[in-house]
Protein backbone atom coordinates (compact mmCIF):
# COMPACT_ATOMS: atom_id res chain seq x y z
CA MET A 1 -111.81 -111.13 103.86
CA ALA A 2 -114.66 -111.20 106.39
CA ALA A 3 -117.52 -109.41 104.69
CA GLY A 4 -119.71 -112.38 103.80
CA LEU A 5 -122.92 -112.93 105.74
CA GLY A 6 -122.70 -116.72 105.62
CA THR A 7 -126.36 -117.37 104.85
CA ARG A 8 -125.86 -121.15 105.10
CA MET A 9 -125.20 -120.72 108.82
CA ARG A 10 -128.88 -119.70 109.12
CA SER A 11 -128.01 -117.13 111.74
CA ALA A 12 -128.57 -113.46 112.47
CA LEU A 13 -124.89 -113.33 113.47
CA PRO A 14 -122.43 -112.90 110.58
CA LYS A 15 -120.56 -116.14 109.90
CA HIS A 16 -117.10 -114.81 110.72
CA LEU A 17 -118.22 -113.72 114.20
CA HIS A 18 -119.50 -117.10 115.34
CA PRO A 19 -117.72 -118.37 118.48
CA LEU A 20 -115.32 -121.26 118.05
CA LEU A 21 -113.42 -122.69 121.02
CA GLY A 22 -113.01 -119.39 122.83
CA ARG A 23 -112.46 -117.16 119.82
CA ARG A 24 -114.55 -115.86 116.97
CA LEU A 25 -114.10 -117.73 113.71
CA VAL A 26 -112.24 -114.83 112.09
CA ASP A 27 -109.95 -114.41 115.11
CA TRP A 28 -108.29 -117.76 114.37
CA VAL A 29 -107.29 -116.42 110.95
CA ILE A 30 -106.14 -113.08 112.36
CA GLY A 31 -104.03 -114.92 114.93
CA ALA A 32 -102.37 -117.12 112.29
CA ALA A 33 -101.52 -114.07 110.18
CA ARG A 34 -100.02 -112.20 113.11
CA ASP A 35 -97.99 -115.23 114.20
CA ALA A 36 -96.68 -115.54 110.64
CA GLY A 37 -95.23 -112.04 110.95
CA VAL A 38 -97.62 -110.11 108.70
CA ASP A 39 -96.63 -106.42 108.77
CA ARG A 40 -100.02 -104.86 108.04
CA LEU A 41 -103.35 -106.46 108.79
CA VAL A 42 -106.54 -105.18 107.13
CA VAL A 43 -109.91 -106.85 107.72
CA VAL A 44 -112.44 -106.35 104.93
CA THR A 45 -115.92 -106.48 106.39
CA SER A 46 -119.50 -105.43 105.77
CA PRO A 47 -120.85 -102.07 107.01
CA ASP A 48 -122.84 -103.76 109.77
CA ALA A 49 -119.75 -105.44 111.27
CA GLN A 50 -117.14 -102.69 110.92
CA ASP A 51 -117.15 -102.01 114.68
CA SER A 52 -116.45 -105.68 115.50
CA PHE A 53 -112.66 -105.48 115.16
CA PRO A 54 -111.17 -103.19 117.79
CA GLY A 55 -107.43 -102.76 117.42
CA VAL A 56 -107.45 -103.93 113.79
CA GLU A 57 -107.47 -101.79 110.65
CA VAL A 58 -110.80 -102.21 108.86
CA ALA A 59 -111.84 -101.71 105.26
CA VAL A 60 -115.54 -101.77 104.40
CA GLN A 61 -117.02 -103.54 101.40
CA GLU A 62 -120.16 -101.49 100.92
CA ARG A 63 -122.01 -104.10 98.86
CA PRO A 64 -121.35 -107.86 98.49
CA LEU A 65 -120.00 -107.81 94.94
CA GLY A 66 -117.68 -110.82 95.16
CA THR A 67 -114.20 -111.70 96.36
CA GLY A 68 -112.47 -109.51 93.79
CA ASP A 69 -114.39 -106.49 95.00
CA ALA A 70 -113.63 -107.43 98.62
CA VAL A 71 -109.88 -107.37 97.96
CA ARG A 72 -110.25 -104.11 96.05
CA ALA A 73 -111.91 -102.59 99.14
CA ALA A 74 -108.56 -102.86 100.94
CA ARG A 75 -106.68 -100.87 98.31
CA THR A 76 -106.94 -97.51 100.04
CA SER A 77 -105.68 -98.97 103.30
CA LEU A 78 -102.65 -100.45 101.50
CA ASP A 79 -101.94 -97.44 99.33
CA GLY A 80 -98.20 -97.13 98.78
CA PHE A 81 -97.43 -100.66 99.99
CA GLU A 82 -95.05 -102.37 97.55
CA GLY A 83 -94.52 -105.82 99.08
CA ASP A 84 -96.47 -109.05 98.92
CA VAL A 85 -100.20 -109.02 99.70
CA LEU A 86 -101.53 -112.10 101.44
CA VAL A 87 -105.24 -112.65 100.78
CA LEU A 88 -106.95 -114.80 103.43
CA ASN A 89 -110.51 -115.94 103.94
CA GLY A 90 -111.88 -115.20 107.40
CA ASP A 91 -113.55 -118.60 107.75
CA VAL A 92 -110.49 -120.90 107.81
CA PRO A 93 -109.82 -121.55 111.52
CA GLY A 94 -107.34 -124.38 110.97
CA LEU A 95 -104.86 -122.08 109.23
CA THR A 96 -101.38 -122.15 110.78
CA PRO A 97 -98.55 -119.61 110.67
CA GLU A 98 -96.24 -122.37 109.45
CA LEU A 99 -98.39 -122.95 106.37
CA LEU A 100 -98.54 -119.22 105.62
CA THR A 101 -94.77 -118.99 105.92
CA ALA A 102 -94.33 -121.91 103.51
CA LEU A 103 -96.77 -120.29 101.06
CA LEU A 104 -94.81 -117.04 101.12
CA ASP A 105 -91.53 -118.93 100.69
CA THR A 106 -92.87 -120.61 97.53
CA HIS A 107 -94.13 -117.30 96.18
CA ARG A 108 -90.77 -115.62 96.63
CA ARG A 109 -88.71 -118.58 95.47
CA GLU A 110 -90.70 -118.76 92.24
CA ARG A 111 -90.53 -114.96 91.80
CA ALA A 112 -94.24 -115.17 91.11
CA ALA A 113 -96.70 -112.41 90.37
CA ALA A 114 -99.23 -114.49 92.30
CA THR A 115 -99.33 -117.79 94.15
CA VAL A 116 -102.42 -119.83 94.98
CA LEU A 117 -102.69 -122.22 97.93
CA SER A 118 -104.22 -125.52 96.85
CA PHE A 119 -105.08 -128.78 98.61
CA GLU A 120 -106.66 -132.18 98.03
CA PRO A 121 -109.72 -132.71 100.25
CA ALA A 122 -111.45 -136.04 100.81
CA ASP A 123 -114.53 -134.50 99.16
CA ALA A 124 -113.90 -131.78 96.58
CA ARG A 125 -117.55 -130.66 96.75
CA ALA A 126 -118.02 -127.17 95.31
CA TYR A 127 -114.37 -126.09 95.47
CA GLY A 128 -112.89 -124.59 92.34
CA ARG A 129 -110.61 -127.02 90.52
CA ILE A 130 -106.94 -126.33 89.82
CA VAL A 131 -106.11 -126.88 86.15
CA ARG A 132 -102.41 -127.22 85.33
CA ASP A 133 -100.68 -127.24 81.94
CA GLY A 134 -98.43 -129.97 80.63
CA ASN A 135 -95.49 -128.57 82.59
CA GLY A 136 -97.38 -128.57 85.87
CA HIS A 137 -97.88 -124.80 85.91
CA LEU A 138 -101.20 -123.22 86.76
CA GLU A 139 -103.33 -122.76 83.67
CA ARG A 140 -106.57 -121.65 85.27
CA ILE A 141 -108.99 -122.17 88.14
CA VAL A 142 -112.43 -123.33 87.11
CA GLU A 143 -115.40 -123.01 89.43
CA ALA A 144 -117.23 -126.28 90.12
CA GLY A 145 -120.44 -124.98 88.55
CA ASP A 146 -118.61 -124.20 85.32
CA ALA A 147 -116.38 -127.29 85.21
CA SER A 148 -116.62 -130.15 82.74
CA ASP A 149 -116.83 -133.74 83.90
CA GLU A 150 -113.13 -134.13 83.22
CA GLU A 151 -112.31 -131.04 85.29
CA LEU A 152 -114.61 -132.14 88.13
CA ALA A 153 -112.64 -135.37 88.33
CA ARG A 154 -109.54 -133.43 89.35
CA THR A 155 -108.68 -133.77 93.05
CA GLU A 156 -106.58 -130.62 93.51
CA VAL A 157 -108.76 -127.64 94.48
CA ASN A 158 -108.42 -123.95 95.25
CA SER A 159 -108.37 -122.94 98.93
CA GLY A 160 -109.21 -119.31 98.18
CA ILE A 161 -105.94 -118.17 99.78
CA TYR A 162 -103.38 -116.29 97.68
CA VAL A 163 -100.25 -114.16 97.64
CA PHE A 164 -99.90 -111.33 95.13
CA ALA A 165 -97.12 -108.93 94.33
CA ALA A 166 -98.82 -105.63 95.11
CA ALA A 167 -97.58 -104.07 91.86
CA LYS A 168 -99.39 -106.80 89.89
CA LEU A 169 -102.50 -107.10 92.06
CA TRP A 170 -104.10 -103.67 91.86
CA PRO A 171 -103.86 -103.12 88.06
CA THR A 172 -105.21 -106.62 87.47
CA LEU A 173 -108.14 -106.03 89.82
CA ASP A 174 -109.00 -102.95 87.78
CA ARG A 175 -109.39 -105.21 84.71
CA LEU A 176 -111.93 -107.57 86.30
CA GLN A 177 -115.31 -107.81 84.64
CA PRO A 178 -118.39 -109.60 86.01
CA GLN A 179 -118.75 -112.92 84.19
CA ASN A 180 -121.87 -114.12 86.01
CA VAL A 181 -125.53 -113.23 86.48
CA GLN A 182 -124.83 -111.99 90.00
CA GLY A 183 -122.60 -109.27 88.62
CA GLU A 184 -119.82 -110.25 91.04
CA LEU A 185 -116.07 -109.92 90.61
CA TYR A 186 -114.05 -113.04 91.43
CA ILE A 187 -110.48 -112.88 92.71
CA THR A 188 -109.77 -116.15 90.87
CA ASP A 189 -110.17 -114.31 87.55
CA THR A 190 -107.07 -112.24 88.34
CA LEU A 191 -104.98 -115.42 88.15
CA GLY A 192 -106.27 -116.18 84.67
CA LEU A 193 -105.49 -112.63 83.56
CA LEU A 194 -101.95 -112.87 84.93
CA VAL A 195 -101.37 -116.23 83.22
CA GLY A 196 -102.65 -114.71 79.99
CA ASP A 197 -100.16 -111.87 80.39
CA GLY A 198 -97.34 -114.38 80.66
CA GLU A 199 -96.74 -113.59 84.31
CA PRO A 200 -95.44 -116.41 86.54
CA VAL A 201 -98.25 -117.79 88.74
CA ALA A 202 -97.20 -120.45 91.26
CA VAL A 203 -99.10 -123.06 93.28
CA HIS A 204 -98.29 -124.20 96.81
CA VAL A 205 -99.98 -127.41 97.94
CA ALA A 206 -101.07 -127.70 101.57
CA ASP A 207 -100.35 -131.12 103.10
CA GLU A 208 -103.25 -131.07 105.60
CA PRO A 209 -106.73 -130.28 104.23
CA PHE A 210 -107.96 -129.28 107.71
CA GLU A 211 -105.61 -126.28 107.65
CA VAL A 212 -107.35 -124.68 104.67
CA GLU A 213 -110.95 -125.87 104.64
CA GLY A 214 -113.52 -123.10 105.07
CA ILE A 215 -116.66 -123.06 107.20
CA ASN A 216 -120.10 -122.59 105.67
CA THR A 217 -122.50 -124.46 107.97
CA ARG A 218 -122.84 -125.18 111.66
CA VAL A 219 -122.01 -128.81 110.91
CA GLU A 220 -118.65 -127.70 109.52
CA LEU A 221 -118.21 -125.33 112.46
CA ALA A 222 -118.58 -128.22 114.91
CA ALA A 223 -116.13 -130.34 112.90
CA ALA A 224 -113.61 -127.49 112.95
CA ALA A 225 -114.01 -127.17 116.73
CA ALA A 226 -113.21 -130.86 117.13
CA GLY A 227 -110.14 -130.53 114.92
CA LEU A 228 -108.84 -127.53 116.87
CA ARG A 229 -109.58 -129.33 120.15
CA ASP A 230 -107.47 -132.28 119.03
CA ARG A 231 -104.63 -130.02 117.91
CA ILE A 232 -104.58 -128.19 121.27
CA ASN A 233 -104.85 -131.37 123.33
CA ASP A 234 -102.09 -133.08 121.37
CA ALA A 235 -99.75 -130.16 122.04
CA HIS A 236 -100.44 -130.29 125.78
CA MET A 237 -99.98 -134.04 125.97
CA LEU A 238 -96.68 -133.86 124.09
CA ALA A 239 -95.61 -131.21 126.63
CA GLY A 240 -96.24 -133.58 129.56
CA VAL A 241 -99.92 -133.16 130.45
CA THR A 242 -102.04 -136.27 131.06
CA ILE A 243 -105.44 -135.97 129.37
CA VAL A 244 -107.37 -139.12 130.18
CA ASP A 245 -109.95 -138.73 127.39
CA PRO A 246 -108.96 -136.11 124.79
CA ALA A 247 -112.24 -136.49 122.89
CA THR A 248 -114.25 -135.08 125.84
CA THR A 249 -111.71 -132.52 127.05
CA TRP A 250 -112.03 -128.96 125.71
CA ILE A 251 -109.13 -126.58 126.29
CA GLU A 252 -109.18 -123.12 124.75
CA PRO A 253 -106.04 -121.83 123.00
CA ASP A 254 -104.95 -119.26 125.60
CA VAL A 255 -105.01 -121.74 128.51
CA GLN A 256 -101.56 -122.47 130.01
CA ILE A 257 -100.90 -125.87 131.58
CA GLU A 258 -97.63 -127.02 133.14
CA SER A 259 -96.32 -130.57 132.93
CA ASP A 260 -97.55 -133.39 135.18
CA VAL A 261 -101.09 -132.05 135.37
CA THR A 262 -103.82 -134.70 135.13
CA ILE A 263 -107.10 -133.84 133.44
CA HIS A 264 -110.01 -136.26 133.61
CA PRO A 265 -112.90 -136.56 131.10
CA PHE A 266 -115.48 -133.86 130.44
CA VAL A 267 -113.31 -130.97 131.60
CA HIS A 268 -113.59 -127.51 130.01
CA LEU A 269 -110.70 -125.07 130.56
CA ARG A 270 -111.47 -121.65 129.11
CA GLY A 271 -110.11 -118.14 128.70
CA ALA A 272 -106.78 -117.31 130.34
CA THR A 273 -106.88 -120.18 132.83
CA ARG A 274 -103.50 -121.33 134.17
CA VAL A 275 -102.82 -124.71 135.75
CA ALA A 276 -99.61 -125.40 137.69
CA SER A 277 -97.67 -128.63 137.81
CA GLY A 278 -99.14 -131.58 139.69
CA ALA A 279 -102.71 -130.31 139.79
CA GLU A 280 -105.51 -132.80 139.18
CA ILE A 281 -108.81 -131.80 137.61
CA HIS A 282 -111.62 -134.31 137.97
CA PRO A 283 -114.56 -134.90 135.59
CA HIS A 284 -117.22 -132.33 134.73
CA THR A 285 -115.19 -129.31 135.81
CA VAL A 286 -115.50 -125.93 134.09
CA ALA A 287 -112.81 -123.30 134.77
CA VAL A 288 -112.89 -119.82 133.21
CA ASP A 289 -110.05 -117.31 133.67
CA VAL A 290 -108.76 -118.90 136.88
CA GLU A 291 -105.44 -119.92 138.42
CA ILE A 292 -105.05 -123.47 139.71
CA GLY A 293 -101.96 -123.90 141.83
CA ALA A 294 -99.43 -126.71 142.09
CA ARG A 295 -100.92 -130.03 143.30
CA ALA A 296 -104.35 -128.47 143.75
CA VAL A 297 -107.38 -130.74 143.38
CA VAL A 298 -110.52 -129.67 141.54
CA GLY A 299 -113.87 -131.40 141.11
CA PRO A 300 -115.67 -133.45 140.10
CA PHE A 301 -118.65 -131.30 139.11
CA CYS A 302 -116.94 -128.03 139.96
CA TYR A 303 -117.45 -124.58 138.42
CA LEU A 304 -114.61 -122.07 138.80
CA ARG A 305 -115.54 -118.62 137.55
CA PRO A 306 -113.28 -115.66 136.63
CA GLY A 307 -110.97 -114.27 139.27
CA THR A 308 -110.65 -117.49 141.27
CA VAL A 309 -107.20 -118.47 142.53
CA LEU A 310 -106.52 -121.87 144.07
CA GLU A 311 -103.12 -121.83 145.72
CA ALA A 312 -100.82 -124.83 146.11
CA GLN A 313 -102.41 -128.04 147.40
CA SER A 314 -105.80 -126.43 147.90
CA LYS A 315 -109.08 -128.11 146.96
CA ALA A 316 -112.33 -127.10 145.29
CA GLY A 317 -114.40 -130.23 145.48
CA THR A 318 -117.67 -131.78 144.35
CA PHE A 319 -120.54 -129.44 143.46
CA VAL A 320 -118.53 -126.37 144.44
CA GLU A 321 -118.83 -123.03 142.67
CA MET A 322 -116.30 -120.25 143.14
CA LYS A 323 -116.05 -116.71 141.81
CA ASN A 324 -113.44 -113.99 142.33
CA SER A 325 -112.01 -115.73 145.38
CA ARG A 326 -108.60 -116.78 146.66
CA ILE A 327 -108.22 -120.13 148.38
CA GLY A 328 -105.00 -120.33 150.37
CA PRO A 329 -102.43 -123.13 150.41
CA ASP A 330 -103.76 -126.44 151.77
CA ALA A 331 -107.23 -124.90 152.26
CA LYS A 332 -110.19 -127.05 151.31
CA VAL A 333 -113.73 -126.40 150.11
CA PRO A 334 -114.68 -130.04 149.67
CA HIS A 335 -118.33 -130.07 148.62
CA LEU A 336 -121.69 -128.40 148.04
CA SER A 337 -120.60 -124.78 148.59
CA TYR A 338 -120.69 -121.41 146.86
CA ILE A 339 -117.67 -119.20 147.52
CA GLY A 340 -117.84 -115.78 145.88
CA ASP A 341 -115.78 -112.63 146.53
CA ALA A 342 -113.93 -114.30 149.39
CA GLU A 343 -110.48 -114.92 150.78
CA ILE A 344 -109.84 -118.17 152.61
CA GLY A 345 -106.61 -118.65 154.53
CA GLU A 346 -104.20 -121.55 154.44
CA ARG A 347 -105.18 -124.90 155.99
CA THR A 348 -108.77 -123.76 156.52
CA ASN A 349 -111.50 -126.36 156.01
CA VAL A 350 -114.89 -125.16 154.80
CA GLY A 351 -117.78 -127.44 155.78
CA ALA A 352 -120.43 -128.77 153.41
CA GLY A 353 -123.10 -126.37 152.22
CA ASN A 354 -121.30 -123.10 152.99
CA ILE A 355 -122.25 -119.87 151.21
CA THR A 356 -120.62 -116.46 151.15
CA ALA A 357 -123.55 -114.07 150.78
CA ASN A 358 -121.83 -111.26 148.91
CA TYR A 359 -124.80 -109.51 147.31
CA PRO A 360 -125.37 -105.95 148.62
CA HIS A 361 -128.47 -105.28 150.69
CA LYS A 362 -129.33 -102.22 148.57
CA PRO A 363 -129.40 -102.01 144.75
CA GLY A 364 -126.45 -100.25 143.18
CA LEU A 365 -123.97 -101.00 145.96
CA PRO A 366 -120.81 -102.99 145.14
CA LYS A 367 -120.43 -106.57 146.26
CA THR A 368 -118.32 -106.92 149.41
CA ARG A 369 -115.89 -109.60 150.52
CA THR A 370 -115.77 -112.34 153.08
CA ARG A 371 -112.43 -112.95 154.76
CA ILE A 372 -111.81 -116.25 156.51
CA GLY A 373 -108.42 -116.60 158.18
CA LYS A 374 -106.05 -119.53 158.36
CA ASP A 375 -106.70 -122.76 160.29
CA VAL A 376 -110.43 -122.01 160.49
CA ARG A 377 -113.03 -124.80 160.71
CA THR A 378 -116.49 -123.85 159.49
CA GLY A 379 -119.55 -125.94 160.25
CA VAL A 380 -122.00 -127.41 157.77
CA GLN A 381 -124.71 -125.13 156.39
CA ASN A 382 -122.97 -121.87 157.26
CA ALA A 383 -123.73 -118.57 155.54
CA PHE A 384 -121.29 -115.65 155.76
CA VAL A 385 -123.01 -112.31 155.12
CA ALA A 386 -120.38 -109.98 153.71
CA PRO A 387 -118.60 -107.88 154.69
CA VAL A 388 -117.48 -110.18 157.48
CA GLU A 389 -114.16 -111.51 158.78
CA VAL A 390 -113.40 -114.73 160.64
CA GLY A 391 -110.15 -114.69 162.56
CA ASP A 392 -107.37 -117.28 162.46
CA GLY A 393 -108.11 -120.55 164.20
CA ALA A 394 -111.80 -119.79 164.79
CA TRP A 395 -114.67 -122.26 164.50
CA THR A 396 -118.24 -121.67 163.38
CA ALA A 397 -121.09 -123.89 164.52
CA ALA A 398 -123.25 -125.87 162.11
CA GLY A 399 -126.28 -124.04 160.77
CA SER A 400 -124.95 -120.60 161.69
CA VAL A 401 -125.50 -117.39 159.74
CA ILE A 402 -122.41 -115.30 160.42
CA THR A 403 -123.19 -111.59 160.22
CA LYS A 404 -120.52 -110.18 162.57
CA ASP A 405 -116.76 -110.57 162.72
CA VAL A 406 -115.46 -113.61 164.62
CA PRO A 407 -112.34 -113.14 166.76
CA ALA A 408 -109.37 -115.46 166.38
CA ASP A 409 -109.72 -118.84 168.14
CA ALA A 410 -113.39 -118.16 169.00
CA LEU A 411 -116.44 -120.35 168.42
CA ALA A 412 -119.25 -118.49 166.64
CA VAL A 413 -122.79 -119.77 167.14
CA ALA A 414 -125.50 -117.86 165.27
CA ARG A 415 -128.72 -119.89 165.52
CA THR A 416 -131.65 -120.33 167.91
CA ARG A 417 -131.44 -123.03 170.55
CA GLN A 418 -133.28 -126.24 169.64
CA GLU A 419 -136.64 -126.84 171.37
CA ASN A 420 -138.57 -130.15 171.14
CA LYS A 421 -142.38 -129.99 171.49
CA GLU A 422 -143.49 -133.47 172.55
CA GLY A 423 -146.46 -134.90 170.60
CA TYR A 424 -146.78 -131.89 168.30
CA ALA A 425 -146.55 -133.91 165.08
CA ALA A 426 -149.09 -136.50 166.23
CA ARG A 427 -151.60 -133.82 167.23
CA HIS A 428 -151.39 -132.06 163.88
CA ARG A 429 -150.96 -135.01 161.53
CA ASP A 430 -154.66 -135.27 160.65
CA ASP A 431 -154.68 -131.56 159.74
């Protein structure tokens, strides 16, 4: 269910579409469901957001008439389906496939018409309370606003996640009546109806509250990001990655890191970045959709943009920015350079303050590439105006703007000869 606007987020963007550690909030839930082996996936959304889920079947809730109406909106999409229907909220990013599997196991073991996922948070806040009978079975779920003091004292609450036998779900939804001034239909009321019919309704208790807590504010969104960060970092460290300060290291879920990598504080690894064994990433590095080779060195204060490949034992150093470039084995770009749309050969050393000027000279033309061969030594403050190629073993003089190809083993000098005008400064100082 992802049709709510999330007004407490105070945002023009629907709550479920807010970014969270490289994914949208709802995408974390979709991913957990897919990893749990869900056969059919239907996202219930509002009319304004129905084009936000490419590759996923969408059902539209035309008006926000409550959670019961939201589930009912998926009925046409699931017409003829006779299995178990898993109802998930789209704002629960900590959800895991393991928890969903355990929930389904309980539902099937108990031969239940419906099963609710409950948990015990540190602060029950406005969660609906689980009320059990003397035998421990679910009696009802009471919303916090309708609960008595005795019911509010209960610590077990409703997560808003359920499993229903399809044959029981749809007829029960048809019986829902609005019991509130908003005229909304609540999915929780179906459980009370099933209990009243004598149908078995089970409860599965989640061990970790973080896995089922929903997001309603940006404060909670930030807390969820920190929890997911810790989960991801823990998994990498247990797999052999050294993370010097996990609290300041942000690694998105699709990043792949081999063992024996060292990551220093304030590093952000995003997108489909891959890091090979033995690489070391120094503080204040941001890498997005890049490949960092074995024993490569990155940073500090380095920005690697999409399409960058650092091959084995290469270096992208301090205050270096790279984009869509390949840096060959043992090649080094140590400091203060921008390398974009370039290929740099093995063992080449790029001097401080080098720039590959890849922007076309006329609007509408594609960017072109700079190719620097192997064993090249570039001088400080060089600019390479693409398209240009520097041959193997060549040198370029400091302060040169390279606009023409440089043959192998040549020295390229592209600057005016220095001329000193004696006394010039003294004569003009008063001016």
